[in-house]
């Protein structure tokens, strides 16, 4: 049992650094803008709520990786709404985040 504990801890720590979310086709052309006021010349197409695991058991995942994965998921959803831009509507909370999806005429 004592031999398995370090292996289990190492596995959890290694897995917490992995990225499980991959960009979907079409999502690479979706841009991400800073939170704040509505972008000029854009039409709101809806909102996207995304979530990922922010903890693996008792261990918290790297905050930057969680943010990157949430952003990627929001970008993946945007083309389905006819949007080409996403904007966070707040900070990530418990592994989830809301984004506004926008269609901007000219970029």
N, C-alpha and C. Protein backbone atom coordinates (compact mmCIF):
# COMPACT_ATOMS: atom_id res chain seq x y z
N UNK A 1 0.82 -1.19 0.00
CA UNK A 1 0.00 0.00 0.00
C UNK A 1 0.87 1.25 0.00
N UNK A 2 1.95 1.22 0.76
CA UNK A 2 2.82 2.39 0.82
C UNK A 2 3.46 2.70 -0.52
N UNK A 3 3.70 1.69 -1.32
CA UNK A 3 4.31 1.89 -2.63
C UNK A 3 3.32 2.54 -3.59
N UNK A 4 2.05 2.24 -3.43
CA UNK A 4 1.03 2.74 -4.35
C UNK A 4 0.68 4.21 -4.10
N UNK A 5 0.82 4.67 -2.87
CA UNK A 5 0.46 6.05 -2.55
C UNK A 5 1.28 7.06 -3.35
N UNK A 6 2.61 6.97 -3.39
CA UNK A 6 3.36 7.94 -4.20
C UNK A 6 3.00 7.86 -5.69
N UNK A 7 2.74 6.67 -6.18
CA UNK A 7 2.35 6.51 -7.58
C UNK A 7 0.99 7.17 -7.83
N UNK A 8 0.07 6.99 -6.92
CA UNK A 8 -1.26 7.60 -7.07
C UNK A 8 -1.16 9.12 -7.03
N UNK A 9 -0.37 9.66 -6.12
CA UNK A 9 -0.20 11.11 -6.02
C UNK A 9 0.46 11.64 -7.29
N UNK A 10 1.48 10.98 -7.78
CA UNK A 10 2.16 11.42 -9.00
C UNK A 10 1.21 11.39 -10.19
N UNK A 11 0.37 10.38 -10.28
CA UNK A 11 -0.60 10.28 -11.38
C UNK A 11 -1.59 11.43 -11.33
N UNK A 12 -2.11 11.74 -10.16
CA UNK A 12 -3.07 12.84 -10.02
C UNK A 12 -2.41 14.16 -10.37
N UNK A 13 -1.20 14.39 -9.90
CA UNK A 13 -0.52 15.65 -10.20
C UNK A 13 -0.20 15.76 -11.68
N UNK A 14 0.20 14.68 -12.30
CA UNK A 14 0.48 14.70 -13.73
C UNK A 14 -0.79 14.97 -14.52
N UNK A 15 -1.86 14.30 -14.17
CA UNK A 15 -3.13 14.46 -14.89
C UNK A 15 -3.70 15.85 -14.72
N UNK A 16 -3.43 16.49 -13.59
CA UNK A 16 -3.98 17.83 -13.37
C UNK A 16 -3.34 18.85 -14.31
N UNK A 17 -2.21 18.54 -14.89
CA UNK A 17 -1.56 19.45 -15.82
C UNK A 17 -1.91 19.19 -17.27
N UNK A 18 -2.67 18.15 -17.55
CA UNK A 18 -3.02 17.81 -18.94
C UNK A 18 -4.17 18.66 -19.45
N UNK A 19 -4.17 18.87 -20.74
CA UNK A 19 -5.28 19.56 -21.39
C UNK A 19 -6.13 18.51 -22.08
N UNK A 20 -7.41 18.48 -21.73
CA UNK A 20 -8.31 17.50 -22.31
C UNK A 20 -9.19 18.10 -23.40
N UNK A 21 -9.18 19.42 -23.54
CA UNK A 21 -10.07 20.10 -24.49
C UNK A 21 -9.27 20.47 -25.73
N UNK A 22 -9.80 20.09 -26.88
CA UNK A 22 -9.15 20.41 -28.15
C UNK A 22 -10.04 21.30 -28.99
N UNK A 23 -9.43 22.15 -29.79
CA UNK A 23 -10.18 23.08 -30.62
C UNK A 23 -10.86 22.35 -31.77
N UNK A 24 -12.14 22.67 -31.96
CA UNK A 24 -12.94 22.07 -33.03
C UNK A 24 -12.68 22.80 -34.34
N UNK A 25 -12.97 22.14 -35.46
CA UNK A 25 -12.83 22.82 -36.76
C UNK A 25 -13.71 24.08 -36.79
N UNK A 26 -13.16 25.16 -37.29
CA UNK A 26 -13.90 26.41 -37.36
C UNK A 26 -13.71 27.30 -36.15
N UNK A 27 -13.31 26.73 -35.02
CA UNK A 27 -13.16 27.51 -33.80
C UNK A 27 -11.90 28.36 -33.80
N UNK A 28 -10.92 27.98 -34.60
CA UNK A 28 -9.67 28.75 -34.61
C UNK A 28 -9.86 30.15 -35.17
N UNK A 29 -10.93 30.37 -35.95
CA UNK A 29 -11.18 31.70 -36.50
C UNK A 29 -12.02 32.57 -35.56
N UNK A 30 -12.47 32.00 -34.44
CA UNK A 30 -13.25 32.75 -33.46
C UNK A 30 -12.29 33.51 -32.57
N UNK A 31 -12.50 34.81 -32.47
CA UNK A 31 -11.59 35.59 -31.61
C UNK A 31 -12.21 35.77 -30.23
N UNK A 32 -11.36 36.04 -29.27
CA UNK A 32 -11.77 36.26 -27.89
C UNK A 32 -11.43 37.69 -27.54
N UNK A 33 -12.43 38.44 -27.05
CA UNK A 33 -12.18 39.83 -26.66
C UNK A 33 -12.31 39.93 -25.15
N UNK A 34 -11.77 41.01 -24.60
CA UNK A 34 -11.76 41.21 -23.16
C UNK A 34 -13.17 41.46 -22.63
N UNK A 35 -13.37 41.10 -21.39
CA UNK A 35 -14.65 41.38 -20.73
C UNK A 35 -14.86 42.89 -20.68
N UNK A 36 -16.11 43.28 -20.68
CA UNK A 36 -16.42 44.70 -20.61
C UNK A 36 -17.63 45.04 -21.45
N UNK A 37 -17.59 46.23 -22.03
CA UNK A 37 -18.71 46.72 -22.82
C UNK A 37 -18.90 45.90 -24.09
N UNK A 38 -20.11 45.96 -24.61
CA UNK A 38 -20.42 45.27 -25.87
C UNK A 38 -19.55 45.83 -26.98
N UNK A 39 -19.01 44.97 -27.83
CA UNK A 39 -18.16 45.46 -28.92
C UNK A 39 -18.99 46.21 -29.97
N UNK A 40 -18.44 47.32 -30.45
CA UNK A 40 -19.13 48.14 -31.46
C UNK A 40 -19.23 47.38 -32.77
N UNK A 41 -20.35 47.55 -33.45
CA UNK A 41 -20.53 46.93 -34.75
C UNK A 41 -20.80 45.44 -34.71
N UNK A 42 -21.14 44.91 -33.54
CA UNK A 42 -21.39 43.48 -33.40
C UNK A 42 -22.83 43.23 -32.97
N UNK A 43 -23.35 42.08 -33.34
CA UNK A 43 -24.69 41.66 -32.97
C UNK A 43 -24.57 40.46 -32.05
N UNK A 44 -25.24 40.52 -30.90
CA UNK A 44 -25.18 39.41 -29.95
C UNK A 44 -25.98 38.23 -30.50
N UNK A 45 -25.32 37.08 -30.53
CA UNK A 45 -25.95 35.86 -31.06
C UNK A 45 -26.41 34.93 -29.94
N UNK A 46 -26.02 35.24 -28.72
CA UNK A 46 -26.44 34.41 -27.60
C UNK A 46 -25.37 34.34 -26.53
N UNK A 47 -25.57 33.44 -25.60
CA UNK A 47 -24.60 33.21 -24.53
C UNK A 47 -24.23 31.73 -24.50
N UNK A 48 -23.02 31.49 -24.07
CA UNK A 48 -22.49 30.14 -23.97
C UNK A 48 -22.05 29.91 -22.53
N UNK A 49 -22.47 28.81 -21.97
CA UNK A 49 -22.02 28.41 -20.63
C UNK A 49 -21.17 27.16 -20.80
N UNK A 50 -19.93 27.23 -20.33
CA UNK A 50 -19.01 26.11 -20.49
C UNK A 50 -18.46 25.71 -19.12
N UNK A 51 -18.02 24.47 -19.01
CA UNK A 51 -17.44 24.03 -17.74
C UNK A 51 -16.44 22.90 -17.97
N UNK A 52 -15.47 22.83 -17.08
CA UNK A 52 -14.46 21.78 -17.06
C UNK A 52 -14.22 21.39 -15.61
N UNK A 53 -13.51 20.30 -15.41
CA UNK A 53 -13.12 19.92 -14.06
C UNK A 53 -12.04 20.88 -13.59
N UNK A 54 -12.26 21.53 -12.45
CA UNK A 54 -11.23 22.40 -11.90
C UNK A 54 -10.48 21.73 -10.75
N UNK A 55 -10.93 20.53 -10.39
CA UNK A 55 -10.28 19.76 -9.33
C UNK A 55 -10.21 18.30 -9.75
N UNK A 56 -9.16 17.65 -9.33
CA UNK A 56 -9.02 16.20 -9.49
C UNK A 56 -8.92 15.67 -8.08
N UNK A 57 -10.01 15.14 -7.58
CA UNK A 57 -10.05 14.73 -6.19
C UNK A 57 -9.84 15.95 -5.31
N UNK A 58 -8.95 15.86 -4.35
CA UNK A 58 -8.72 17.01 -3.47
C UNK A 58 -7.76 18.05 -4.06
N UNK A 59 -7.26 17.81 -5.25
CA UNK A 59 -6.23 18.68 -5.83
C UNK A 59 -6.83 19.63 -6.86
N UNK A 60 -6.52 20.91 -6.72
CA UNK A 60 -6.97 21.89 -7.70
C UNK A 60 -6.09 21.84 -8.94
N UNK A 61 -6.72 22.02 -10.12
CA UNK A 61 -5.96 22.04 -11.37
C UNK A 61 -5.35 23.42 -11.56
N UNK A 62 -4.37 23.49 -12.43
CA UNK A 62 -3.72 24.75 -12.75
C UNK A 62 -4.76 25.75 -13.26
N UNK A 63 -4.86 26.90 -12.62
CA UNK A 63 -5.88 27.90 -12.96
C UNK A 63 -5.78 28.38 -14.40
N UNK A 64 -4.56 28.57 -14.89
CA UNK A 64 -4.38 29.03 -16.27
C UNK A 64 -4.89 27.98 -17.26
N UNK A 65 -4.61 26.72 -17.01
CA UNK A 65 -5.10 25.64 -17.90
C UNK A 65 -6.63 25.58 -17.90
N UNK A 66 -7.22 25.74 -16.73
CA UNK A 66 -8.68 25.74 -16.64
C UNK A 66 -9.24 26.88 -17.47
N UNK A 67 -8.67 28.08 -17.36
CA UNK A 67 -9.13 29.24 -18.14
C UNK A 67 -8.97 28.98 -19.64
N UNK A 68 -7.84 28.42 -20.03
CA UNK A 68 -7.60 28.13 -21.45
C UNK A 68 -8.62 27.13 -21.99
N UNK A 69 -8.93 26.12 -21.20
CA UNK A 69 -9.89 25.11 -21.64
C UNK A 69 -11.30 25.71 -21.74
N UNK A 70 -11.67 26.56 -20.79
CA UNK A 70 -12.98 27.21 -20.85
C UNK A 70 -13.08 28.08 -22.10
N UNK A 71 -12.01 28.81 -22.39
CA UNK A 71 -11.99 29.66 -23.59
C UNK A 71 -12.11 28.82 -24.86
N UNK A 72 -11.39 27.73 -24.90
CA UNK A 72 -11.45 26.85 -26.08
C UNK A 72 -12.86 26.29 -26.26
N UNK A 73 -13.50 25.87 -25.17
CA UNK A 73 -14.86 25.36 -25.26
C UNK A 73 -15.82 26.44 -25.77
N UNK A 74 -15.66 27.67 -25.29
CA UNK A 74 -16.52 28.77 -25.76
C UNK A 74 -16.29 29.02 -27.25
N UNK A 75 -15.04 29.00 -27.67
CA UNK A 75 -14.74 29.17 -29.11
C UNK A 75 -15.32 28.02 -29.93
N UNK A 76 -15.31 26.81 -29.39
CA UNK A 76 -15.89 25.66 -30.09
C UNK A 76 -17.39 25.83 -30.30
N UNK A 77 -18.08 26.46 -29.36
CA UNK A 77 -19.53 26.63 -29.45
C UNK A 77 -19.95 27.79 -30.34
N UNK A 78 -19.10 28.78 -30.51
CA UNK A 78 -19.47 30.01 -31.24
C UNK A 78 -19.96 29.77 -32.67
N UNK A 79 -19.28 28.99 -33.49
CA UNK A 79 -19.76 28.81 -34.87
C UNK A 79 -21.18 28.25 -34.95
N UNK A 80 -21.57 27.43 -34.01
CA UNK A 80 -22.91 26.87 -33.99
C UNK A 80 -23.98 27.92 -33.75
N UNK A 81 -23.58 29.05 -33.17
CA UNK A 81 -24.50 30.16 -32.93
C UNK A 81 -24.40 31.22 -34.02
N UNK A 82 -23.53 30.99 -35.00
CA UNK A 82 -23.31 31.99 -36.03
C UNK A 82 -22.47 33.15 -35.52
N UNK A 83 -21.66 32.90 -34.51
CA UNK A 83 -20.82 33.94 -33.90
C UNK A 83 -19.37 33.77 -34.34
N UNK A 84 -18.66 34.89 -34.38
CA UNK A 84 -17.24 34.85 -34.72
C UNK A 84 -16.37 35.45 -33.62
N UNK A 85 -17.01 35.83 -32.51
CA UNK A 85 -16.31 36.47 -31.39
C UNK A 85 -16.97 36.03 -30.09
N UNK A 86 -16.16 35.75 -29.07
CA UNK A 86 -16.70 35.47 -27.74
C UNK A 86 -16.08 36.42 -26.73
N UNK A 87 -16.85 36.70 -25.68
CA UNK A 87 -16.43 37.64 -24.65
C UNK A 87 -16.84 37.09 -23.29
N UNK A 88 -15.89 36.93 -22.36
CA UNK A 88 -16.27 36.42 -21.04
C UNK A 88 -17.19 37.40 -20.33
N UNK A 89 -18.19 36.87 -19.64
CA UNK A 89 -19.14 37.70 -18.91
C UNK A 89 -18.81 37.75 -17.42
N UNK A 90 -17.76 37.09 -17.03
CA UNK A 90 -17.34 37.08 -15.64
C UNK A 90 -16.13 36.18 -15.50
N UNK A 91 -15.67 36.07 -14.29
CA UNK A 91 -14.53 35.21 -14.00
C UNK A 91 -14.98 33.75 -13.90
N UNK A 92 -14.08 32.81 -14.16
CA UNK A 92 -14.44 31.40 -13.96
C UNK A 92 -14.78 31.15 -12.50
N UNK A 93 -15.76 30.27 -12.29
CA UNK A 93 -16.16 29.94 -10.93
C UNK A 93 -16.49 28.46 -10.86
N UNK A 94 -15.80 27.74 -9.99
CA UNK A 94 -16.01 26.30 -9.81
C UNK A 94 -15.93 25.54 -11.13
N UNK A 95 -15.01 25.94 -12.00
CA UNK A 95 -14.80 25.23 -13.26
C UNK A 95 -15.75 25.64 -14.37
N UNK A 96 -16.59 26.64 -14.15
CA UNK A 96 -17.53 27.09 -15.17
C UNK A 96 -17.37 28.57 -15.48
N UNK A 97 -17.85 28.96 -16.67
CA UNK A 97 -17.77 30.37 -17.06
C UNK A 97 -18.81 30.65 -18.14
N UNK A 98 -19.34 31.87 -18.15
CA UNK A 98 -20.30 32.31 -19.16
C UNK A 98 -19.61 33.25 -20.13
N UNK A 99 -19.98 33.12 -21.40
CA UNK A 99 -19.45 33.97 -22.46
C UNK A 99 -20.61 34.51 -23.29
N UNK A 100 -20.46 35.74 -23.79
CA UNK A 100 -21.37 36.27 -24.80
C UNK A 100 -20.80 35.88 -26.16
N UNK A 101 -21.68 35.51 -27.07
CA UNK A 101 -21.27 35.16 -28.43
C UNK A 101 -21.73 36.27 -29.36
N UNK A 102 -20.81 36.83 -30.15
CA UNK A 102 -21.08 37.97 -31.02
C UNK A 102 -20.78 37.64 -32.47
N UNK A 103 -21.53 38.27 -33.35
CA UNK A 103 -21.22 38.26 -34.79
C UNK A 103 -20.81 39.68 -35.12
N UNK A 104 -19.55 39.85 -35.50
CA UNK A 104 -19.01 41.17 -35.80
C UNK A 104 -18.84 41.29 -37.32
N UNK A 105 -19.36 42.38 -37.87
CA UNK A 105 -19.39 42.56 -39.33
C UNK A 105 -17.99 42.54 -39.94
N UNK A 106 -17.14 43.42 -39.51
CA UNK A 106 -15.79 43.50 -40.09
C UNK A 106 -14.77 43.35 -38.98
N UNK A 107 -13.73 42.58 -39.28
CA UNK A 107 -12.66 42.41 -38.29
C UNK A 107 -11.37 42.83 -38.90
